[in-house]
Protein backbone atom coordinates (compact mmCIF):
# COMPACT_ATOMS: atom_id res chain seq x y z
CA MET A 1 28.70 26.10 -26.93
CA ALA A 2 25.41 24.55 -27.90
CA ARG A 3 22.83 24.30 -25.10
CA THR A 4 23.06 20.59 -24.42
CA ARG A 5 23.60 18.44 -21.36
CA TYR A 6 27.20 17.78 -22.33
CA ALA A 7 29.28 18.85 -19.34
CA PRO A 8 31.77 21.67 -19.94
CA ASP A 9 35.43 21.17 -19.03
CA ARG A 10 36.66 24.51 -17.71
CA GLY A 11 40.30 23.45 -17.58
CA LEU A 12 40.40 22.25 -21.18
CA THR A 13 38.23 25.19 -22.29
CA ALA A 14 40.74 27.60 -20.75
CA ARG A 15 43.61 25.87 -22.55
CA MET A 16 41.73 25.89 -25.86
CA THR A 17 40.93 29.58 -25.38
CA ALA A 18 44.60 30.32 -24.68
CA THR A 19 45.59 28.44 -27.83
CA MET A 20 43.09 30.42 -29.92
CA PHE A 21 44.43 33.62 -28.33
CA LEU A 22 47.98 32.68 -29.37
CA LEU A 23 46.75 32.00 -32.90
CA GLY A 24 45.17 35.46 -32.87
CA LEU A 25 48.47 37.03 -31.82
CA VAL A 26 50.26 35.21 -34.62
CA PHE A 27 47.66 36.49 -37.08
CA VAL A 28 48.09 40.09 -35.87
CA ALA A 29 51.86 39.77 -36.11
CA PHE A 30 51.51 38.28 -39.59
CA ILE A 31 49.37 41.19 -40.81
CA ALA A 32 51.74 43.69 -39.19
CA ALA A 33 54.69 42.08 -40.97
CA ILE A 34 52.84 42.19 -44.30
CA ILE A 35 52.01 45.87 -43.76
CA GLY A 36 55.67 46.50 -42.95
CA ILE A 37 56.73 44.78 -46.14
CA GLY A 38 54.04 46.69 -47.99
CA ALA A 39 56.08 49.90 -47.84
CA ALA A 40 58.52 48.30 -50.26
CA THR A 41 56.00 46.62 -52.51
CA HIS A 42 54.20 47.51 -55.69
CA ALA A 43 50.43 47.52 -55.95
CA SER A 44 50.61 44.14 -57.65
CA ASP A 45 52.30 42.65 -54.56
CA ALA A 46 49.53 43.98 -52.35
CA VAL A 47 47.04 42.35 -54.70
CA ILE A 48 48.83 39.02 -54.18
CA VAL A 49 48.36 39.25 -50.41
CA LEU A 50 44.72 40.27 -50.80
CA PHE A 51 44.17 37.39 -53.22
CA ALA A 52 45.62 34.92 -50.68
CA LEU A 53 43.39 36.30 -47.92
CA VAL A 54 40.26 36.08 -50.07
CA LEU A 55 41.12 32.62 -51.40
CA GLY A 56 42.01 31.36 -47.92
CA GLY A 57 38.78 32.75 -46.51
CA GLY A 58 36.81 31.15 -49.32
CA ALA A 59 38.49 27.79 -48.71
CA ALA A 60 37.77 27.99 -44.97
CA ILE A 61 34.11 28.93 -45.51
CA GLY A 62 33.72 26.20 -48.14
CA SER A 63 35.18 23.56 -45.83
CA LEU A 64 32.84 24.71 -43.05
CA PHE A 65 29.66 24.56 -45.12
CA TYR A 66 30.52 21.41 -47.05
CA SER A 67 32.56 19.46 -44.48
CA ASP A 68 29.78 16.89 -44.05
CA LYS A 69 29.46 16.17 -47.78
CA ILE A 70 33.23 16.10 -48.30
CA ALA A 71 33.81 13.78 -45.33
CA LEU A 72 31.06 11.33 -46.33
CA ARG A 73 32.32 11.19 -49.91
CA THR A 74 35.91 10.66 -48.77
CA ALA A 75 34.84 7.87 -46.41
CA GLY A 76 32.63 6.23 -49.04
CA ALA A 77 29.77 6.41 -46.54
CA VAL A 78 26.04 6.15 -47.18
CA GLU A 79 23.32 7.77 -45.09
CA VAL A 80 21.00 5.18 -43.58
CA GLY A 81 17.58 5.23 -41.93
CA PRO A 82 16.44 3.11 -38.97
CA ASN A 83 14.76 0.64 -41.34
CA ASP A 84 17.85 0.01 -43.51
CA GLY A 85 18.87 -3.26 -41.91
CA GLU A 86 19.77 -4.56 -38.47
CA MET A 87 23.05 -2.66 -38.24
CA ALA A 88 21.35 0.66 -39.12
CA ARG A 89 18.56 -0.06 -36.61
CA ARG A 90 21.06 -0.71 -33.84
CA LEU A 91 23.00 2.45 -34.67
CA HIS A 92 19.90 4.65 -34.80
CA GLY A 93 18.72 3.24 -31.48
CA ILE A 94 21.95 4.29 -29.77
CA VAL A 95 21.92 7.73 -31.41
CA ASP A 96 18.29 8.28 -30.37
CA ARG A 97 19.11 7.46 -26.74
CA LEU A 98 22.11 9.77 -26.66
CA CYS A 99 20.25 12.65 -28.32
CA ALA A 100 17.51 12.37 -25.70
CA LEU A 101 20.11 12.17 -22.94
CA ALA A 102 22.07 15.17 -24.28
CA ASP A 103 18.97 17.17 -25.32
CA MET A 104 20.33 17.92 -28.78
CA PRO A 105 19.04 17.49 -32.35
CA LYS A 106 19.59 14.11 -33.96
CA PRO A 107 22.33 14.15 -36.60
CA ARG A 108 22.05 12.37 -39.91
CA VAL A 109 23.43 8.87 -39.61
CA ALA A 110 25.74 7.15 -42.10
CA LEU A 111 27.58 3.86 -42.43
CA ALA A 112 30.91 3.30 -44.19
CA ASN A 113 31.66 -0.23 -45.33
CA THR A 114 35.36 -0.46 -44.49
CA PRO A 115 37.62 -2.76 -42.41
CA LEU A 116 38.90 0.29 -40.51
CA PRO A 117 37.13 0.45 -37.10
CA ASN A 118 36.38 4.12 -36.59
CA ALA A 119 33.78 6.88 -36.43
CA PHE A 120 33.52 10.63 -36.97
CA ALA A 121 31.00 13.45 -36.74
CA THR A 122 31.11 16.72 -38.63
CA GLY A 123 28.90 19.57 -39.79
CA ARG A 124 28.81 23.33 -39.26
CA ASN A 125 26.18 23.09 -36.50
CA ALA A 126 23.97 20.61 -34.65
CA ASP A 127 21.15 20.92 -37.20
CA LYS A 128 23.49 20.12 -40.13
CA ALA A 129 25.61 17.48 -38.43
CA VAL A 130 26.25 13.97 -39.67
CA LEU A 131 27.55 10.98 -37.71
CA CYS A 132 29.41 8.26 -39.58
CA VAL A 133 30.33 4.86 -38.14
CA THR A 134 32.19 2.12 -39.99
CA THR A 135 30.75 -1.36 -40.31
CA SER A 136 33.95 -2.73 -38.78
CA LEU A 137 33.44 -0.66 -35.63
CA MET A 138 29.84 -1.84 -35.37
CA GLY A 139 31.00 -5.44 -35.48
CA LYS A 140 33.79 -5.09 -32.90
CA LEU A 141 32.12 -3.11 -30.11
CA ASP A 142 29.25 -3.97 -27.79
CA ASP A 143 26.43 -1.47 -27.23
CA ALA A 144 28.02 0.23 -24.20
CA GLU A 145 31.35 0.70 -26.03
CA LEU A 146 29.64 1.92 -29.17
CA GLU A 147 27.56 4.33 -27.09
CA GLY A 148 30.77 5.74 -25.60
CA VAL A 149 32.31 6.31 -29.03
CA ILE A 150 29.18 7.97 -30.40
CA ALA A 151 28.85 10.15 -27.29
CA HIS A 152 32.44 11.28 -27.90
CA GLU A 153 31.68 12.14 -31.52
CA MET A 154 28.44 13.95 -30.74
CA SER A 155 30.33 15.99 -28.15
CA HIS A 156 32.35 17.47 -31.03
CA VAL A 157 29.08 18.67 -32.54
CA ALA A 158 27.76 20.04 -29.23
CA HIS A 159 30.99 21.95 -28.63
CA LYS A 160 31.07 23.34 -32.21
CA ASP A 161 34.52 21.90 -32.83
CA VAL A 162 34.19 22.12 -36.62
CA GLN A 163 33.66 25.89 -36.41
CA VAL A 164 36.53 26.27 -33.94
CA MET A 165 38.99 24.29 -36.06
CA THR A 166 37.92 26.10 -39.23
CA VAL A 167 38.64 29.49 -37.69
CA ALA A 168 41.93 28.18 -36.28
CA SER A 169 42.99 26.83 -39.69
CA PHE A 170 42.35 30.07 -41.59
CA LEU A 171 45.77 31.57 -40.81
CA ALA A 172 47.61 28.39 -41.83
CA ILE A 173 45.70 28.25 -45.11
CA VAL A 174 46.61 31.86 -45.96
CA ALA A 175 50.26 31.34 -44.99
CA ALA A 176 50.46 28.16 -47.11
CA LEU A 177 49.01 30.02 -50.11
CA LEU A 178 51.50 32.88 -49.74
CA ILE A 179 54.39 30.41 -49.52
CA ARG A 180 53.32 28.84 -52.82
CA ILE A 181 52.67 32.18 -54.51
CA ALA A 182 56.01 33.64 -53.40
CA PHE A 183 57.90 30.45 -54.34
CA TYR A 184 56.46 30.18 -57.83
CA GLY A 185 56.74 33.93 -58.28
CA GLU A 186 60.47 33.71 -57.72
CA LEU A 187 60.81 30.44 -59.64
CA PHE A 188 59.24 31.91 -62.76
CA GLY A 189 60.77 35.36 -62.44
CA GLY A 190 57.93 37.27 -60.81
CA GLY A 191 60.12 40.34 -60.41
CA ARG A 192 60.82 40.80 -64.12
CA GLY A 193 59.37 43.68 -66.07
CA ARG A 194 59.79 46.17 -63.20
CA GLY A 195 62.87 47.97 -64.48
CA GLY A 196 65.24 48.97 -61.68
CA ASN A 197 62.98 47.47 -59.04
CA ASN A 198 63.71 43.85 -59.96
CA GLN A 199 66.09 43.25 -57.07
CA ASN A 200 63.81 45.01 -54.57
CA ALA A 201 60.81 42.95 -55.73
CA ALA A 202 62.79 39.73 -55.38
CA ILE A 203 63.80 40.63 -51.81
CA VAL A 204 60.19 41.42 -50.97
CA MET A 205 58.96 38.09 -52.30
CA LEU A 206 61.64 36.18 -50.42
CA ALA A 207 60.80 38.05 -47.21
CA LEU A 208 57.12 37.29 -47.70
CA MET A 209 57.89 33.60 -48.23
CA ALA A 210 60.13 33.44 -45.13
CA ILE A 211 57.53 35.10 -42.90
CA SER A 212 54.78 32.86 -44.30
CA ILE A 213 56.85 29.74 -43.57
CA VAL A 214 57.37 30.78 -39.96
CA VAL A 215 53.68 31.67 -39.52
CA TYR A 216 52.58 28.39 -41.10
CA ALA A 217 54.87 26.36 -38.82
CA ILE A 218 53.66 28.11 -35.65
CA SER A 219 50.01 27.89 -36.74
CA PHE A 220 50.38 24.20 -37.59
CA LEU A 221 51.75 23.36 -34.14
CA LEU A 222 49.07 25.41 -32.34
CA ILE A 223 46.30 23.77 -34.40
CA ARG A 224 47.65 20.33 -33.53
CA LEU A 225 47.69 21.32 -29.85
CA LEU A 226 44.11 22.58 -30.11
CA SER A 227 43.06 19.36 -31.83
CA ARG A 228 44.47 17.24 -29.01
CA TYR A 229 42.67 19.37 -26.43
CA ARG A 230 39.34 18.98 -28.20
CA GLU A 231 39.77 15.17 -28.30
CA LEU A 232 40.37 15.08 -24.55
CA ALA A 233 37.36 17.33 -23.98
CA ALA A 234 35.19 15.05 -26.13
CA ASP A 235 36.38 11.98 -24.22
CA ARG A 236 35.56 13.60 -20.90
CA SER A 237 32.16 15.05 -21.80
CA GLY A 238 31.12 11.87 -23.61
CA ALA A 239 32.08 9.71 -20.62
CA LEU A 240 30.24 12.00 -18.22
CA LEU A 241 27.14 11.93 -20.40
CA THR A 242 26.94 8.12 -20.50
CA GLY A 243 28.34 7.65 -17.00
CA GLN A 244 30.52 4.80 -18.28
CA PRO A 245 34.16 5.88 -18.72
CA SER A 246 35.21 2.22 -18.58
CA ALA A 247 33.21 1.45 -21.74
CA LEU A 248 34.92 4.29 -23.61
CA LYS A 249 38.30 3.09 -22.35
CA SER A 250 37.53 -0.41 -23.60
CA ALA A 251 36.51 0.97 -26.99
CA LEU A 252 39.72 3.02 -27.24
CA VAL A 253 41.90 -0.01 -26.48
CA LYS A 254 40.05 -2.22 -28.98
CA VAL A 255 40.03 0.35 -31.80
CA THR A 256 43.65 1.40 -31.34
CA GLY A 257 44.79 -2.22 -31.21
CA ASP A 258 42.87 -3.17 -34.34
CA ILE A 259 44.12 -0.13 -36.28
CA ALA A 260 47.71 -1.02 -35.36
CA ARG A 261 47.26 -4.39 -37.11
CA ILE A 262 46.01 -2.88 -40.39
CA PRO A 263 48.75 -2.53 -43.07
CA THR A 264 50.02 1.03 -43.48
CA ARG A 265 49.22 1.06 -47.20
CA ASP A 266 45.56 0.43 -46.37
CA LEU A 267 45.50 3.11 -43.68
CA ARG A 268 46.80 5.75 -46.08
CA THR A 269 43.49 5.74 -47.94
CA ALA A 270 41.79 6.98 -44.75
CA GLU A 271 44.47 9.53 -43.87
CA PRO A 272 42.50 12.59 -45.17
CA LEU A 273 39.94 11.97 -42.39
CA ASN A 274 42.53 11.52 -39.66
CA ALA A 275 41.65 14.69 -37.76
CA PHE A 276 37.94 13.74 -37.77
CA PHE A 277 38.33 10.16 -36.57
CA PHE A 278 37.65 8.85 -33.07
CA ALA A 279 41.13 7.29 -33.17
CA PRO A 280 43.80 8.31 -35.71
CA ALA A 281 44.18 6.03 -38.70
CA MET A 282 47.74 7.24 -39.19
CA SER A 283 50.09 8.41 -36.47
CA LEU A 284 53.81 8.90 -36.07
CA ARG A 285 55.37 5.81 -34.57
CA GLY A 286 57.70 5.53 -31.61
CA GLY A 287 55.93 7.53 -28.91
CA THR A 288 58.56 10.29 -29.02
CA SER A 289 57.94 13.87 -27.97
CA LEU A 290 58.12 14.81 -31.66
CA SER A 291 55.32 12.41 -32.56
CA THR A 292 53.22 13.88 -29.74
CA VAL A 293 53.74 17.44 -30.97
CA PHE A 294 52.65 16.63 -34.52
CA SER A 295 49.75 14.31 -33.64
CA THR A 296 46.09 15.30 -34.11
CA HIS A 297 45.11 13.07 -31.13
CA PRO A 298 46.53 12.56 -27.64
CA SER A 299 48.31 9.30 -26.98
CA LEU A 300 46.25 6.31 -25.92
CA GLU A 301 47.91 6.42 -22.51
CA ARG A 302 46.94 10.07 -22.00
CA ARG A 303 43.34 9.44 -23.00
CA LEU A 304 43.02 6.44 -20.70
CA ALA A 305 44.55 8.39 -17.81
CA GLU A 306 42.09 11.25 -18.30
CA LEU A 307 39.18 8.79 -18.37
CA ASP A 308 40.44 7.31 -15.09
CA LYS A 309 40.08 10.80 -13.61
CA VAL A 310 36.51 10.96 -14.89
CA GLN A 311 35.78 7.61 -13.22
CA GLN A 312 37.19 8.91 -9.95
CA GLN A 313 35.03 12.03 -10.27
CA LEU A 314 31.93 9.91 -10.82
CA ASN A 315 32.82 7.67 -7.86
CA ARG A 316 33.14 10.70 -5.58
CA ALA A 317 29.83 12.11 -6.84
CA GLY A 318 28.11 8.77 -6.29
């Protein structure tokens, strides 16, 4: 973790570590299965696996180094300085106060002109981070609420969440690539031209696709679990930094309520940034256990309950 004044959460850290450990076990099992299949493969099949690993690694590294540029472009955001209008001045003032309070470098600041009230922060480290806030969020929240949201987002930077999620996503990226390669290989007759080994090659490709599907599904669920943990950790550390959990609770209620009133067709344009956002633009409806499992964020009720615990902790300390 970066050396900032953001308070660590040992309970959530332990759970995130356990989740990463499980992802590591899945990766080891995946490689072992590929090696086991390798005894029945041709050199060209081994090249396919190596290609997926290299391509997946390249995609993960690219997303890590260019996540800030990609996110800003997707959001239609523009970097602003403290002299670029009243809204930019207000935003920079809050960011300056929080950076001094947290003892961390100031991120670049951007505004996105959109009716969706939200915010996100990304970047491979604190020195390359960018914070983006929408104009709608600026208009709906008071300074204390906005400070709570920004403290939450800057906590993601302090805790190196982009690096953590990039590493966690690597296995899912490779598995997804192998599923596509194996599927199209079979679809277009990838086993042809191997004489008597056609049937064996087809079995190998099908086995590779089946294993990749299982690995992708497990990785996807673990990544979603890790994502929910990091949101709770950011809520907690942000509220402890500002000392105002009630302001963050108020912001959560306002933002979630406003997003719920935006037509689904309009929210879909922001869906690529869902995992980055302070509150999800798109979520599965109904509050079922299934929607919880697949969500990138904890439920509003869970987040509010955890912030109540932070308030109780602060009351006892005071």
